Amino acid sequence: MAKSKDIAANINTTATLDGDPFFGGSFSGQLETAGDHDWIKVELQGLQAYNLYASLLYTGSATQGDSFIRIFDSAGVQVPNAFNDDGGVF
């Protein structure tokens, strides 16, 4: 099995969504180590509502996760109140 490339956890990430985020873009990655964070680059429009979902597919590996979504601006600063752990609206 080929080892997957780690996704950068900063503004230099090259990971992007497949498809348009407004019409259902998606990304599939892998958490390589405990505590791994993957940043996915996406361009969002202001005054627009988006539904974001994160899920973990259990593969039997020792690395298990807890999804947590945070939105950062292009400078890497977290947008105030733009985060969610375990569901709900933000």
N, C-alpha and C. Protein backbone atom coordinates (compact mmCIF):
# COMPACT_ATOMS: atom_id res chain seq x y z
N MET A 1 0.85 -1.17 0.00
CA MET A 1 0.00 0.00 0.00
C MET A 1 0.90 1.24 0.00
N ALA A 2 0.64 2.18 -0.87
CA ALA A 2 1.45 3.40 -0.96
C ALA A 2 1.16 4.31 0.22
N LYS A 3 2.21 4.91 0.75
CA LYS A 3 2.06 5.86 1.85
C LYS A 3 1.52 7.16 1.29
N SER A 4 0.52 7.72 1.96
CA SER A 4 -0.06 8.97 1.49
C SER A 4 0.82 10.13 1.91
N LYS A 5 0.78 11.20 1.16
CA LYS A 5 1.54 12.41 1.46
C LYS A 5 0.80 13.21 2.52
N ASP A 6 1.54 13.68 3.53
CA ASP A 6 0.91 14.46 4.60
C ASP A 6 0.45 15.81 4.04
N ILE A 7 -0.70 16.24 4.47
CA ILE A 7 -1.26 17.53 4.08
C ILE A 7 -0.73 18.60 5.04
N ALA A 8 -0.27 19.71 4.51
CA ALA A 8 0.25 20.80 5.35
C ALA A 8 -0.84 21.36 6.24
N ALA A 9 -0.46 21.76 7.45
CA ALA A 9 -1.40 22.34 8.41
C ALA A 9 -1.13 23.83 8.54
N ASN A 10 -1.09 24.50 7.38
CA ASN A 10 -0.85 25.94 7.37
C ASN A 10 -1.31 26.51 6.02
N ILE A 11 -1.10 27.81 5.82
CA ILE A 11 -1.59 28.46 4.60
C ILE A 11 -0.86 28.00 3.34
N ASN A 12 0.20 27.24 3.50
CA ASN A 12 0.94 26.75 2.33
C ASN A 12 0.38 25.43 1.80
N THR A 13 -0.73 24.97 2.35
CA THR A 13 -1.31 23.71 1.89
C THR A 13 -1.57 23.76 0.39
N THR A 14 -1.40 22.63 -0.24
CA THR A 14 -1.74 22.52 -1.66
C THR A 14 -3.02 21.71 -1.84
N ALA A 15 -3.60 21.25 -0.74
CA ALA A 15 -4.84 20.46 -0.80
C ALA A 15 -6.02 21.37 -1.12
N THR A 16 -6.84 20.95 -2.05
CA THR A 16 -8.03 21.70 -2.45
C THR A 16 -9.21 20.75 -2.56
N LEU A 17 -10.40 21.31 -2.63
CA LEU A 17 -11.60 20.51 -2.83
C LEU A 17 -11.68 20.03 -4.26
N ASP A 18 -12.28 18.87 -4.43
CA ASP A 18 -12.67 18.40 -5.75
C ASP A 18 -14.06 18.95 -5.99
N GLY A 19 -14.23 19.76 -7.01
CA GLY A 19 -15.53 20.33 -7.30
C GLY A 19 -15.71 21.70 -6.67
N ASP A 20 -16.84 22.29 -6.91
CA ASP A 20 -17.18 23.62 -6.43
C ASP A 20 -17.73 23.54 -5.01
N PRO A 21 -17.18 24.31 -4.04
CA PRO A 21 -17.67 24.21 -2.66
C PRO A 21 -19.14 24.60 -2.51
N PHE A 22 -19.65 25.46 -3.37
CA PHE A 22 -21.05 25.87 -3.27
C PHE A 22 -21.99 24.76 -3.73
N PHE A 23 -21.52 23.90 -4.62
CA PHE A 23 -22.37 22.85 -5.17
C PHE A 23 -21.97 21.45 -4.71
N GLY A 24 -21.16 21.35 -3.65
CA GLY A 24 -20.85 20.03 -3.11
C GLY A 24 -19.43 19.56 -3.34
N GLY A 25 -18.46 20.44 -3.20
CA GLY A 25 -17.07 20.02 -3.31
C GLY A 25 -16.72 19.05 -2.20
N SER A 26 -15.69 18.24 -2.42
CA SER A 26 -15.30 17.26 -1.40
C SER A 26 -13.79 17.10 -1.37
N PHE A 27 -13.31 16.54 -0.28
CA PHE A 27 -11.90 16.22 -0.13
C PHE A 27 -11.79 14.94 0.67
N SER A 28 -10.90 14.08 0.29
CA SER A 28 -10.65 12.86 1.03
C SER A 28 -9.16 12.80 1.33
N GLY A 29 -8.83 12.64 2.60
CA GLY A 29 -7.43 12.59 3.01
C GLY A 29 -7.24 11.53 4.07
N GLN A 30 -6.06 11.57 4.68
CA GLN A 30 -5.74 10.57 5.69
C GLN A 30 -5.00 11.24 6.84
N LEU A 31 -5.38 10.88 8.07
CA LEU A 31 -4.65 11.34 9.24
C LEU A 31 -3.52 10.34 9.47
N GLU A 32 -2.29 10.78 9.25
CA GLU A 32 -1.15 9.86 9.31
C GLU A 32 -0.68 9.55 10.72
N THR A 33 -0.83 10.51 11.63
CA THR A 33 -0.36 10.34 13.00
C THR A 33 -1.38 10.93 13.97
N ALA A 34 -1.28 10.52 15.22
CA ALA A 34 -2.15 11.11 16.24
C ALA A 34 -1.87 12.60 16.32
N GLY A 35 -2.92 13.42 16.38
CA GLY A 35 -2.77 14.87 16.45
C GLY A 35 -2.56 15.54 15.10
N ASP A 36 -2.65 14.78 14.01
CA ASP A 36 -2.46 15.34 12.67
C ASP A 36 -3.58 16.33 12.36
N HIS A 37 -3.22 17.40 11.68
CA HIS A 37 -4.18 18.41 11.21
C HIS A 37 -3.98 18.58 9.72
N ASP A 38 -5.04 18.62 8.97
CA ASP A 38 -4.98 18.84 7.52
C ASP A 38 -5.74 20.10 7.17
N TRP A 39 -5.09 21.01 6.46
CA TRP A 39 -5.74 22.24 6.00
C TRP A 39 -6.09 22.06 4.54
N ILE A 40 -7.32 22.41 4.19
CA ILE A 40 -7.81 22.31 2.83
C ILE A 40 -8.10 23.73 2.35
N LYS A 41 -7.51 24.11 1.24
CA LYS A 41 -7.70 25.47 0.71
C LYS A 41 -9.00 25.53 -0.08
N VAL A 42 -9.82 26.53 0.26
CA VAL A 42 -11.09 26.72 -0.44
C VAL A 42 -11.38 28.22 -0.47
N GLU A 43 -11.94 28.69 -1.55
CA GLU A 43 -12.31 30.10 -1.66
C GLU A 43 -13.80 30.22 -1.41
N LEU A 44 -14.15 30.93 -0.33
CA LEU A 44 -15.55 31.14 0.02
C LEU A 44 -15.93 32.58 -0.23
N GLN A 45 -17.19 32.82 -0.50
CA GLN A 45 -17.70 34.16 -0.76
C GLN A 45 -18.42 34.68 0.48
N GLY A 46 -18.20 35.94 0.80
CA GLY A 46 -18.88 36.56 1.94
C GLY A 46 -20.39 36.61 1.72
N LEU A 47 -21.12 36.66 2.81
CA LEU A 47 -22.58 36.72 2.79
C LEU A 47 -23.21 35.53 2.08
N GLN A 48 -22.53 34.40 2.11
CA GLN A 48 -22.99 33.17 1.47
C GLN A 48 -23.03 32.08 2.55
N ALA A 49 -24.06 31.27 2.58
CA ALA A 49 -24.14 30.17 3.54
C ALA A 49 -23.51 28.91 2.94
N TYR A 50 -22.76 28.20 3.74
CA TYR A 50 -22.12 26.94 3.33
C TYR A 50 -22.41 25.87 4.37
N ASN A 51 -22.58 24.66 3.92
CA ASN A 51 -22.69 23.50 4.82
C ASN A 51 -21.37 22.75 4.74
N LEU A 52 -20.72 22.58 5.89
CA LEU A 52 -19.45 21.88 5.96
C LEU A 52 -19.62 20.62 6.79
N TYR A 53 -19.10 19.52 6.30
CA TYR A 53 -19.21 18.25 7.00
C TYR A 53 -17.83 17.61 7.07
N ALA A 54 -17.55 16.98 8.18
CA ALA A 54 -16.32 16.20 8.32
C ALA A 54 -16.70 14.85 8.90
N SER A 55 -16.08 13.82 8.38
CA SER A 55 -16.35 12.49 8.91
C SER A 55 -15.06 11.69 8.88
N LEU A 56 -15.01 10.70 9.72
CA LEU A 56 -13.85 9.85 9.83
C LEU A 56 -14.25 8.43 9.46
N LEU A 57 -13.55 7.86 8.52
CA LEU A 57 -13.79 6.48 8.12
C LEU A 57 -12.83 5.61 8.92
N TYR A 58 -13.36 4.74 9.75
CA TYR A 58 -12.51 3.87 10.55
C TYR A 58 -11.91 2.81 9.64
N THR A 59 -10.59 2.77 9.60
CA THR A 59 -9.89 1.82 8.73
C THR A 59 -9.16 0.74 9.51
N GLY A 60 -9.27 0.75 10.84
CA GLY A 60 -8.58 -0.24 11.65
C GLY A 60 -7.19 0.21 12.05
N SER A 61 -6.78 1.40 11.62
CA SER A 61 -5.45 1.88 11.99
C SER A 61 -5.47 2.37 13.43
N ALA A 62 -4.29 2.54 13.99
CA ALA A 62 -4.17 3.03 15.36
C ALA A 62 -4.51 4.51 15.45
N THR A 63 -4.57 5.18 14.31
CA THR A 63 -4.86 6.61 14.29
C THR A 63 -6.36 6.82 14.16
N GLN A 64 -6.96 7.28 15.23
CA GLN A 64 -8.38 7.60 15.21
C GLN A 64 -8.51 9.10 15.40
N GLY A 65 -9.61 9.67 15.03
CA GLY A 65 -9.72 11.11 15.11
C GLY A 65 -11.04 11.60 15.64
N ASP A 66 -11.09 12.88 15.84
CA ASP A 66 -12.29 13.59 16.26
C ASP A 66 -12.36 14.81 15.36
N SER A 67 -13.34 14.82 14.47
CA SER A 67 -13.42 15.92 13.51
C SER A 67 -13.64 17.25 14.22
N PHE A 68 -13.00 18.26 13.70
CA PHE A 68 -13.11 19.63 14.22
C PHE A 68 -12.89 20.53 13.03
N ILE A 69 -13.84 21.39 12.72
CA ILE A 69 -13.72 22.29 11.59
C ILE A 69 -13.43 23.70 12.10
N ARG A 70 -12.42 24.31 11.51
CA ARG A 70 -12.09 25.71 11.79
C ARG A 70 -11.88 26.40 10.44
N ILE A 71 -12.28 27.66 10.37
CA ILE A 71 -12.07 28.43 9.14
C ILE A 71 -11.04 29.51 9.45
N PHE A 72 -10.02 29.55 8.59
CA PHE A 72 -8.95 30.52 8.70
C PHE A 72 -8.97 31.45 7.49
N ASP A 73 -8.52 32.68 7.67
CA ASP A 73 -8.43 33.59 6.52
C ASP A 73 -7.15 33.29 5.75
N SER A 74 -6.91 34.03 4.68
CA SER A 74 -5.75 33.76 3.82
C SER A 74 -4.41 34.02 4.49
N ALA A 75 -4.42 34.72 5.64
CA ALA A 75 -3.19 34.95 6.40
C ALA A 75 -2.97 33.87 7.46
N GLY A 76 -3.91 32.94 7.58
CA GLY A 76 -3.78 31.87 8.56
C GLY A 76 -4.33 32.21 9.92
N VAL A 77 -5.11 33.27 10.02
CA VAL A 77 -5.73 33.68 11.29
C VAL A 77 -7.14 33.09 11.34
N GLN A 78 -7.46 32.42 12.45
CA GLN A 78 -8.79 31.84 12.55
C GLN A 78 -9.84 32.94 12.56
N VAL A 79 -10.87 32.76 11.73
CA VAL A 79 -11.99 33.69 11.67
C VAL A 79 -12.78 33.56 12.98
N PRO A 80 -13.07 34.69 13.66
CA PRO A 80 -13.79 34.62 14.94
C PRO A 80 -15.11 33.84 14.82
N ASN A 81 -15.33 32.96 15.76
CA ASN A 81 -16.55 32.15 15.83
C ASN A 81 -16.76 31.23 14.63
N ALA A 82 -15.73 30.97 13.87
CA ALA A 82 -15.85 30.09 12.70
C ALA A 82 -15.17 28.76 12.99
N PHE A 83 -15.77 28.03 13.92
CA PHE A 83 -15.26 26.70 14.27
C PHE A 83 -16.40 25.86 14.82
N ASN A 84 -16.23 24.55 14.78
CA ASN A 84 -17.25 23.67 15.32
C ASN A 84 -16.64 22.31 15.63
N ASP A 85 -17.04 21.76 16.76
CA ASP A 85 -16.64 20.42 17.16
C ASP A 85 -17.92 19.64 17.46
N ASP A 86 -18.11 18.56 16.75
CA ASP A 86 -19.22 17.63 17.01
C ASP A 86 -20.59 18.12 16.58
N GLY A 87 -20.66 18.95 15.56
CA GLY A 87 -21.93 19.29 14.93
C GLY A 87 -22.57 20.56 15.41
N GLY A 88 -23.49 21.05 14.61
CA GLY A 88 -24.20 22.27 14.92
C GLY A 88 -23.94 23.34 13.90
N VAL A 89 -24.48 24.51 14.14
CA VAL A 89 -24.35 25.64 13.23
C VAL A 89 -23.33 26.61 13.79
N PHE A 90 -22.50 27.15 12.91
CA PHE A 90 -21.57 28.20 13.33
C PHE A 90 -21.48 29.26 12.28
